[in-house]
Amino acid sequence: MARIVGIGANVHDTLITLPSYPAEDTKLRAEKSREVGGGPCGTALVAAAKLGADCSYLGQLALDRGGDFLSADMERWGVDTSLVQRREGTSFSSWIWLSEAAATRTCVFDRGTLPPLALDPAQKEKIASADLLLLDGNELPAAVEGAKIARANGVKVLLDAGGRYAGIEKLLPLVDLLIPSEEFALGITGKATVREAAEELRDRYAPETLVITCGKEGGVILDGNGYRSYRAYRVKAADTNGAGDVFHGAYAYAFTAGRGGADECAAFASACSALKCTGTGGARQSTPTLPELELFIKENER
């Protein structure tokens, strides 16, 4: 079984479903609200675990209600939390508005009060014995240290580059599988097109594989086999929150499970993300299991 470990954001989310976004300085009754686990790294690990990978979260959680919820939520979906550091402070939290009319999301977040993560000996050992280290740019000093440990031990490093965090350039040269959003790729390179941005990222940081996600348009791949695109699966989206996180987790699973090269992994991850978007109740709950995803892929191929 593939062994995936992750360092990054694990967020206590409150999802608020609205018929449409309210005008400023007005009141609007929510259709429903729900407490769920979120965050790029945490949700990606859940996605990989639900598909069948052996996943461990190596971050820290606050000793508050949010931290208790997140610990239990990850265990619920099969992610090991035995090496999580629990500390005094308040949890990384967010409040997410989901518009039924537009099928979009708007997020407000509070990073909480935990100090920066310092990897302990057990966490370092876990990284060295893994197959893949999954990062999202949060907890950057620990992520850089973890990436160096991974590379020294032949462990692949995958980065979900969704946010341009201060100092992210220190991490990018240590990444084997670089998967940024289109927004990140264009912003950090200053290029006008996705292809130009892809080539610039390859030249600057030399990842083994570069996959740029472009939302409902699919995305592009650049590696030793050249530049090409992958398609998005067309679905009726009910909730797009966490779609990118699920993509990264599914890609990590496909890569470590040996389900093919970059094209096959991207197509697999795209399908997983699309199927997730048809569900409601949070990204982790809506992420499919492997049999559910394989059936979806088979039906769409027909």
Protein backbone atom coordinates (compact mmCIF):
# COMPACT_ATOMS: atom_id res chain seq x y z
CA MET A 1 0.00 0.00 0.00
CA ALA A 2 1.29 3.46 -0.92
CA ARG A 3 2.54 5.52 2.02
CA ILE A 4 1.71 9.22 1.80
CA VAL A 5 2.51 11.75 4.52
CA GLY A 6 1.47 15.39 4.57
CA ILE A 7 2.45 18.72 6.11
CA GLY A 8 0.15 21.70 5.69
CA ALA A 9 -3.22 23.21 6.41
CA ASN A 10 -5.93 21.28 8.22
CA VAL A 11 -8.87 23.64 8.68
CA HIS A 12 -12.03 23.64 10.77
CA ASP A 13 -14.62 24.70 8.18
CA THR A 14 -18.20 25.87 8.53
CA LEU A 15 -20.06 25.52 5.23
CA ILE A 16 -23.03 27.85 4.80
CA THR A 17 -25.29 27.09 1.84
CA LEU A 18 -27.16 30.13 0.46
CA PRO A 19 -29.65 30.48 -2.40
CA SER A 20 -27.39 33.25 -3.72
CA TYR A 21 -24.87 35.68 -2.28
CA PRO A 22 -26.49 38.42 -0.16
CA ALA A 23 -26.12 42.10 -0.82
CA GLU A 24 -23.87 43.97 1.60
CA ASP A 25 -25.47 45.08 4.90
CA THR A 26 -28.50 42.79 4.53
CA LYS A 27 -29.77 39.61 6.19
CA LEU A 28 -30.33 36.29 4.45
CA ARG A 29 -31.49 32.97 5.84
CA ALA A 30 -29.12 30.08 5.08
CA GLU A 31 -30.47 26.95 3.43
CA LYS A 32 -28.26 24.90 5.77
CA SER A 33 -24.91 24.96 7.57
CA ARG A 34 -22.47 22.20 8.35
CA GLU A 35 -19.22 21.72 10.27
CA VAL A 36 -16.58 19.87 8.22
CA GLY A 37 -12.86 19.32 7.91
CA GLY A 38 -11.03 21.29 5.23
CA GLY A 39 -7.69 22.70 4.15
CA PRO A 40 -5.57 21.69 1.15
CA CYS A 41 -3.27 19.18 2.83
CA GLY A 42 -5.83 17.68 5.17
CA THR A 43 -8.44 17.19 2.46
CA ALA A 44 -5.90 15.83 -0.04
CA LEU A 45 -4.81 13.21 2.50
CA VAL A 46 -8.43 12.20 3.08
CA ALA A 47 -8.96 11.86 -0.68
CA ALA A 48 -5.90 9.63 -1.03
CA ALA A 49 -6.92 7.55 2.00
CA LYS A 50 -10.45 7.00 0.69
CA LEU A 51 -8.94 5.74 -2.56
CA GLY A 52 -6.77 3.25 -0.67
CA ALA A 53 -3.46 4.87 0.31
CA ASP A 54 -1.86 4.63 3.76
CA CYS A 55 -1.90 8.31 4.80
CA SER A 56 -0.54 10.17 7.82
CA TYR A 57 -0.90 13.82 8.80
CA LEU A 58 2.29 15.25 10.32
CA GLY A 59 1.06 18.68 11.35
CA GLN A 60 -0.22 20.16 14.56
CA LEU A 61 -3.70 20.84 15.93
CA ALA A 62 -4.94 23.14 18.66
CA LEU A 63 -6.17 21.84 22.00
CA ASP A 64 -9.61 23.31 21.38
CA ARG A 65 -12.94 22.14 20.00
CA GLY A 66 -11.81 22.71 16.42
CA GLY A 67 -8.68 20.63 16.94
CA ASP A 68 -10.69 17.82 18.52
CA PHE A 69 -13.09 17.85 15.57
CA LEU A 70 -10.29 17.78 13.00
CA SER A 71 -8.45 14.93 14.70
CA ALA A 72 -11.61 12.82 14.84
CA ASP A 73 -12.59 13.78 11.29
CA MET A 74 -9.28 12.64 9.78
CA GLU A 75 -9.42 9.35 11.67
CA ARG A 76 -13.00 8.91 10.47
CA TRP A 77 -11.83 8.96 6.86
CA GLY A 78 -8.79 6.75 7.42
CA VAL A 79 -5.92 9.23 7.91
CA ASP A 80 -3.50 8.39 10.73
CA THR A 81 -3.11 11.21 13.28
CA SER A 82 -0.90 9.41 15.81
CA LEU A 83 2.04 11.76 15.11
CA VAL A 84 0.05 15.00 15.20
CA GLN A 85 1.30 17.54 17.74
CA ARG A 86 -1.46 18.96 19.95
CA ARG A 87 -0.76 22.45 21.35
CA GLU A 88 -2.45 25.22 23.28
CA GLY A 89 -4.00 27.81 20.99
CA THR A 90 -6.91 28.28 18.60
CA SER A 91 -7.58 26.35 15.41
CA PHE A 92 -7.17 27.41 11.80
CA SER A 93 -10.84 28.04 10.91
CA SER A 94 -12.87 29.23 7.93
CA TRP A 95 -16.43 30.15 7.05
CA ILE A 96 -17.43 29.29 3.50
CA TRP A 97 -20.46 30.60 1.64
CA LEU A 98 -21.75 28.27 -1.05
CA SER A 99 -24.03 29.90 -3.62
CA GLU A 100 -26.61 27.50 -5.06
CA ALA A 101 -27.41 29.91 -7.90
CA ALA A 102 -23.82 30.35 -9.08
CA ALA A 103 -22.32 27.03 -7.84
CA THR A 104 -19.38 29.03 -6.44
CA ARG A 105 -17.79 29.56 -3.03
CA THR A 106 -16.55 32.53 -1.02
CA CYS A 107 -14.24 31.91 1.94
CA VAL A 108 -13.25 33.97 5.00
CA PHE A 109 -10.59 32.42 7.24
CA ASP A 110 -8.73 32.88 10.52
CA ARG A 111 -5.33 31.15 10.78
CA GLY A 112 -5.62 30.73 14.54
CA THR A 113 -2.85 31.18 17.09
CA LEU A 114 -0.65 28.08 16.87
CA PRO A 115 3.11 28.72 16.57
CA PRO A 116 4.99 27.48 13.49
CA LEU A 117 5.34 23.70 13.27
CA ALA A 118 8.70 22.26 14.33
CA LEU A 119 9.10 18.67 13.12
CA ASP A 120 9.88 16.22 15.91
CA PRO A 121 12.09 13.10 15.51
CA ALA A 122 9.13 10.76 14.96
CA GLN A 123 7.71 12.97 12.20
CA LYS A 124 11.10 13.19 10.49
CA GLU A 125 11.45 9.42 10.59
CA LYS A 126 7.97 9.02 9.11
CA ILE A 127 8.90 11.28 6.18
CA ALA A 128 12.10 9.35 5.50
CA SER A 129 10.19 6.05 5.26
CA ALA A 130 7.29 7.29 3.11
CA ASP A 131 6.69 6.99 -0.63
CA LEU A 132 5.52 10.58 -1.07
CA LEU A 133 5.45 13.82 0.94
CA LEU A 134 2.44 16.03 0.17
CA LEU A 135 2.77 19.76 0.87
CA ASP A 136 0.55 22.80 0.30
CA GLY A 137 2.86 25.72 1.14
CA ASN A 138 1.54 26.18 4.68
CA GLU A 139 3.92 25.58 7.63
CA LEU A 140 6.67 26.62 5.21
CA PRO A 141 9.82 26.17 7.38
CA ALA A 142 8.71 22.66 8.36
CA ALA A 143 7.73 21.93 4.75
CA VAL A 144 11.20 22.94 3.50
CA GLU A 145 12.87 20.79 6.15
CA GLY A 146 10.55 17.89 5.35
CA ALA A 147 11.23 18.20 1.62
CA LYS A 148 14.99 18.05 2.24
CA ILE A 149 14.56 14.92 4.37
CA ALA A 150 12.36 13.37 1.68
CA ARG A 151 14.81 14.03 -1.14
CA ALA A 152 17.72 12.70 0.91
CA ASN A 153 15.82 9.43 1.31
CA GLY A 154 14.43 9.03 -2.21
CA VAL A 155 10.91 10.11 -1.23
CA LYS A 156 8.98 12.07 -3.87
CA VAL A 157 7.71 15.56 -2.97
CA LEU A 158 4.37 16.83 -4.31
CA LEU A 159 3.39 20.46 -3.86
CA ASP A 160 -0.15 21.78 -4.15
CA ALA A 161 0.85 25.32 -5.16
CA GLY A 162 -2.41 27.15 -4.73
CA GLY A 163 -1.25 30.13 -2.71
CA ARG A 164 1.72 32.47 -3.14
CA TYR A 165 2.93 32.32 0.45
CA ALA A 166 5.91 34.43 1.49
CA GLY A 167 9.09 32.44 0.93
CA ILE A 168 7.50 29.76 -1.29
CA GLU A 169 10.49 30.13 -3.64
CA LYS A 170 12.58 28.30 -1.00
CA LEU A 171 10.38 25.23 -1.37
CA LEU A 172 9.88 25.11 -5.15
CA PRO A 173 13.38 23.79 -6.04
CA LEU A 174 12.79 20.82 -3.69
CA VAL A 175 9.61 19.65 -5.43
CA ASP A 176 9.41 16.64 -7.77
CA LEU A 177 5.72 16.88 -8.66
CA LEU A 178 4.69 20.53 -8.94
CA ILE A 179 0.93 21.05 -9.29
CA PRO A 180 0.06 24.77 -9.21
CA SER A 181 -3.18 26.47 -10.08
CA GLU A 182 -3.29 28.60 -13.22
CA GLU A 183 -3.52 31.69 -11.01
CA PHE A 184 -0.35 30.73 -9.11
CA ALA A 185 1.59 29.84 -12.26
CA LEU A 186 0.77 33.11 -14.03
CA GLY A 187 1.26 35.20 -10.90
CA ILE A 188 4.64 33.88 -9.80
CA THR A 189 6.13 33.92 -13.31
CA GLY A 190 4.53 37.12 -14.61
CA LYS A 191 3.79 35.39 -17.91
CA ALA A 192 0.73 36.03 -20.07
CA THR A 193 -0.12 32.45 -21.03
CA VAL A 194 -0.24 29.11 -19.26
CA ARG A 195 2.28 27.60 -21.68
CA GLU A 196 4.78 30.40 -21.08
CA ALA A 197 4.27 30.04 -17.33
CA ALA A 198 4.78 26.28 -17.50
CA GLU A 199 8.04 26.65 -19.40
CA GLU A 200 9.25 29.33 -16.99
CA LEU A 201 8.47 27.16 -13.95
CA ARG A 202 10.28 24.22 -15.53
CA ASP A 203 13.34 26.34 -16.31
CA ARG A 204 13.46 27.95 -12.85
CA TYR A 205 12.77 24.96 -10.62
CA ALA A 206 13.23 21.79 -12.73
CA PRO A 207 10.41 19.66 -11.32
CA GLU A 208 10.18 16.09 -12.60
CA THR A 209 6.56 16.73 -13.59
CA LEU A 210 4.59 19.98 -13.81
CA VAL A 211 0.79 19.93 -13.90
CA ILE A 212 -1.09 23.25 -14.01
CA THR A 213 -4.75 23.02 -13.07
CA CYS A 214 -7.17 25.29 -14.95
CA GLY A 215 -10.48 24.50 -13.24
CA LYS A 216 -13.32 23.42 -15.47
CA GLU A 217 -11.04 23.74 -18.51
CA GLY A 218 -8.88 20.83 -17.32
CA GLY A 219 -5.19 21.69 -17.33
CA VAL A 220 -1.77 21.15 -18.86
CA ILE A 221 1.22 18.89 -18.28
CA LEU A 222 4.89 19.56 -18.93
CA ASP A 223 7.51 16.87 -18.37
CA GLY A 224 10.12 14.91 -20.30
CA ASN A 225 7.45 13.94 -22.83
CA GLY A 226 6.66 17.57 -23.70
CA TYR A 227 3.72 19.91 -23.27
CA ARG A 228 0.10 18.74 -23.58
CA SER A 229 -3.32 19.17 -22.01
CA TYR A 230 -5.66 16.97 -20.03
CA ARG A 231 -9.44 17.28 -20.02
CA ALA A 232 -11.92 18.08 -17.30
CA TYR A 233 -14.92 15.84 -16.75
CA ARG A 234 -18.22 17.64 -17.31
CA VAL A 235 -20.63 17.29 -14.40
CA LYS A 236 -23.46 19.23 -12.82
CA ALA A 237 -21.61 20.79 -9.90
CA ALA A 238 -23.37 21.01 -6.55
CA ASP A 239 -20.37 22.09 -4.45
CA THR A 240 -16.95 23.02 -5.86
CA ASN A 241 -15.35 23.71 -2.47
CA GLY A 242 -12.20 21.59 -2.06
CA ALA A 243 -12.14 20.39 -5.67
CA GLY A 244 -8.48 21.34 -6.08
CA ASP A 245 -7.52 19.69 -2.80
CA VAL A 246 -9.17 16.46 -3.93
CA PHE A 247 -7.35 16.65 -7.27
CA HIS A 248 -3.99 16.76 -5.50
CA GLY A 249 -4.86 13.89 -3.19
CA ALA A 250 -6.10 11.75 -6.06
CA TYR A 251 -2.97 12.54 -8.10
CA ALA A 252 -0.79 11.55 -5.13
CA TYR A 253 -2.68 8.26 -4.83
CA ALA A 254 -2.50 7.50 -8.56
CA PHE A 255 1.22 8.28 -8.70
CA THR A 256 2.17 6.16 -5.70
CA ALA A 257 -0.17 3.34 -6.75
CA GLY A 258 1.55 3.10 -10.14
CA ARG A 259 -1.55 3.89 -12.20
CA GLY A 260 0.50 5.26 -15.11
CA GLY A 261 2.41 8.38 -16.06
CA ALA A 262 1.48 12.02 -15.69
CA ASP A 263 -1.32 11.82 -18.28
CA GLU A 264 -3.02 8.92 -16.56
CA CYS A 265 -2.56 10.41 -13.09
CA ALA A 266 -3.96 13.79 -14.18
CA ALA A 267 -6.96 12.18 -15.88
CA PHE A 268 -7.63 10.06 -12.79
CA ALA A 269 -7.36 13.08 -10.50
CA SER A 270 -9.57 15.18 -12.79
CA ALA A 271 -12.27 12.52 -12.66
CA CYS A 272 -12.04 12.28 -8.86
CA SER A 273 -12.33 16.05 -8.48
CA ALA A 274 -15.31 16.21 -10.85
CA LEU A 275 -17.19 13.43 -9.09
CA LYS A 276 -16.53 15.10 -5.74
CA CYS A 277 -18.20 18.28 -7.06
CA THR A 278 -21.50 16.44 -7.62
CA GLY A 279 -21.89 15.81 -3.88
CA THR A 280 -22.78 18.03 -0.95
CA GLY A 281 -21.85 18.05 2.70
CA GLY A 282 -18.15 18.88 2.39
CA ALA A 283 -15.22 17.88 0.20
CA ARG A 284 -14.13 14.99 2.40
CA GLN A 285 -17.55 13.37 2.54
CA SER A 286 -18.12 13.84 -1.20
CA THR A 287 -14.75 12.42 -2.27
CA PRO A 288 -15.39 9.02 -3.87
CA THR A 289 -13.96 5.65 -2.95
CA LEU A 290 -11.96 3.80 -5.59
CA PRO A 291 -14.85 1.58 -6.81
CA GLU A 292 -17.12 4.63 -7.12
CA LEU A 293 -14.49 6.53 -9.07
CA GLU A 294 -13.66 3.66 -11.40
CA LEU A 295 -17.36 3.25 -12.23
CA PHE A 296 -17.63 6.99 -12.96
CA ILE A 297 -14.60 6.87 -15.27
CA LYS A 298 -15.95 3.82 -17.09
CA GLU A 299 -19.36 5.44 -17.60
CA ASN A 300 -17.81 8.66 -18.91
CA GLU A 301 -15.55 6.83 -21.32
CA ARG A 302 -18.64 5.30 -22.88
